[in-house]
């Protein structure tokens, strides 16, 4: 992955990850919303599609979820999932 990767942090789970892994994690924690939104063409869940649905439903509060900046360095240092 490139150094410019975006990162996200979900406070209740103390979980920070890249977009792909965060989307899949959110889908696992909130399966009903993930089913309603549906996976991407590649079969994974897109955080940019899931997050608005989770915020609208009230399952996730804005204060619980943060978009962390880019250019933080190697993804292995910041994504909770293995790359």
Protein backbone atom coordinates (compact mmCIF):
# COMPACT_ATOMS: atom_id res chain seq x y z
CA UNK A 1 0.00 0.00 0.00
CA UNK A 2 1.10 3.54 -0.62
CA UNK A 3 2.24 6.00 2.02
CA UNK A 4 -0.75 8.24 1.21
CA UNK A 5 -3.25 5.68 2.49
CA UNK A 6 -6.14 7.00 4.59
CA UNK A 7 -6.70 5.66 8.11
CA UNK A 8 -9.77 5.49 10.33
CA UNK A 9 -10.23 5.03 14.07
CA UNK A 10 -13.34 3.56 15.75
CA UNK A 11 -13.14 4.38 19.46
CA UNK A 12 -15.53 1.80 21.04
CA UNK A 13 -13.42 -1.02 19.59
CA UNK A 14 -10.10 0.86 19.90
CA UNK A 15 -9.48 -0.11 16.29
CA UNK A 16 -7.48 1.82 13.69
CA UNK A 17 -7.27 0.57 10.12
CA UNK A 18 -7.00 1.39 6.45
CA UNK A 19 -10.25 1.88 4.49
CA UNK A 20 -10.56 -1.72 3.32
CA UNK A 21 -10.03 -3.30 6.71
CA UNK A 22 -12.18 -0.72 8.50
CA UNK A 23 -15.03 -1.32 6.06
CA UNK A 24 -14.87 -5.06 6.65
CA UNK A 25 -14.65 -4.57 10.44
CA UNK A 26 -17.68 -2.26 10.46
CA UNK A 27 -19.58 -4.83 8.37
CA UNK A 28 -18.78 -7.47 10.99
CA UNK A 29 -19.84 -5.27 13.90
CA UNK A 30 -23.01 -4.01 12.17
CA UNK A 31 -24.15 -6.83 9.86
CA UNK A 32 -27.71 -5.56 9.34
CA UNK A 33 -26.53 -2.20 8.01
CA UNK A 34 -23.79 -3.86 5.96
CA UNK A 35 -26.38 -6.15 4.38
CA UNK A 36 -28.56 -3.17 3.53
CA UNK A 37 -25.64 -1.23 1.99
CA UNK A 38 -24.12 -4.28 0.34
CA UNK A 39 -20.53 -5.09 -0.57
CA UNK A 40 -18.52 -3.41 -3.31
CA UNK A 41 -17.96 -5.03 -6.68
CA UNK A 42 -14.88 -6.71 -5.22
CA UNK A 43 -16.83 -8.36 -2.39
CA UNK A 44 -15.46 -6.25 0.46
CA UNK A 45 -17.25 -3.47 2.32
CA UNK A 46 -16.53 0.17 1.55
CA UNK A 47 -16.11 2.40 4.60
CA UNK A 48 -17.20 5.42 2.54
CA UNK A 49 -20.56 3.72 1.87
CA UNK A 50 -21.06 2.12 5.28
CA UNK A 51 -20.19 5.08 7.48
CA UNK A 52 -22.97 7.43 6.27
CA UNK A 53 -25.53 4.63 6.73
CA UNK A 54 -24.24 3.88 10.24
CA UNK A 55 -24.29 7.56 11.22
CA UNK A 56 -27.80 8.01 9.82
CA UNK A 57 -29.09 4.96 11.70
CA UNK A 58 -27.49 6.13 14.95
CA UNK A 59 -25.50 2.91 15.35
CA UNK A 60 -22.28 4.94 15.22
CA UNK A 61 -21.97 8.44 16.63
CA UNK A 62 -19.79 11.06 14.96
CA UNK A 63 -17.77 11.35 18.15
CA UNK A 64 -16.90 7.62 18.04
CA UNK A 65 -15.38 7.58 14.56
CA UNK A 66 -12.42 9.56 13.28
CA UNK A 67 -10.78 9.95 9.93
CA UNK A 68 -7.08 10.02 10.65
CA UNK A 69 -4.78 11.97 8.37
CA UNK A 70 -2.79 10.65 5.49
CA UNK A 71 0.95 10.39 4.93
CA UNK A 72 1.53 8.73 8.27
CA UNK A 73 4.13 6.31 6.98
CA UNK A 74 4.10 2.58 6.33
CA UNK A 75 0.63 1.08 6.62
CA UNK A 76 1.94 -1.77 8.77
CA UNK A 77 2.54 0.72 11.58
CA UNK A 78 -1.06 1.95 11.67
CA UNK A 79 -3.48 -0.66 10.34
CA UNK A 80 -4.63 -3.18 12.94
CA UNK A 81 -4.91 -5.85 10.25
CA UNK A 82 -1.94 -7.56 8.70
CA UNK A 83 -0.96 -6.49 5.20
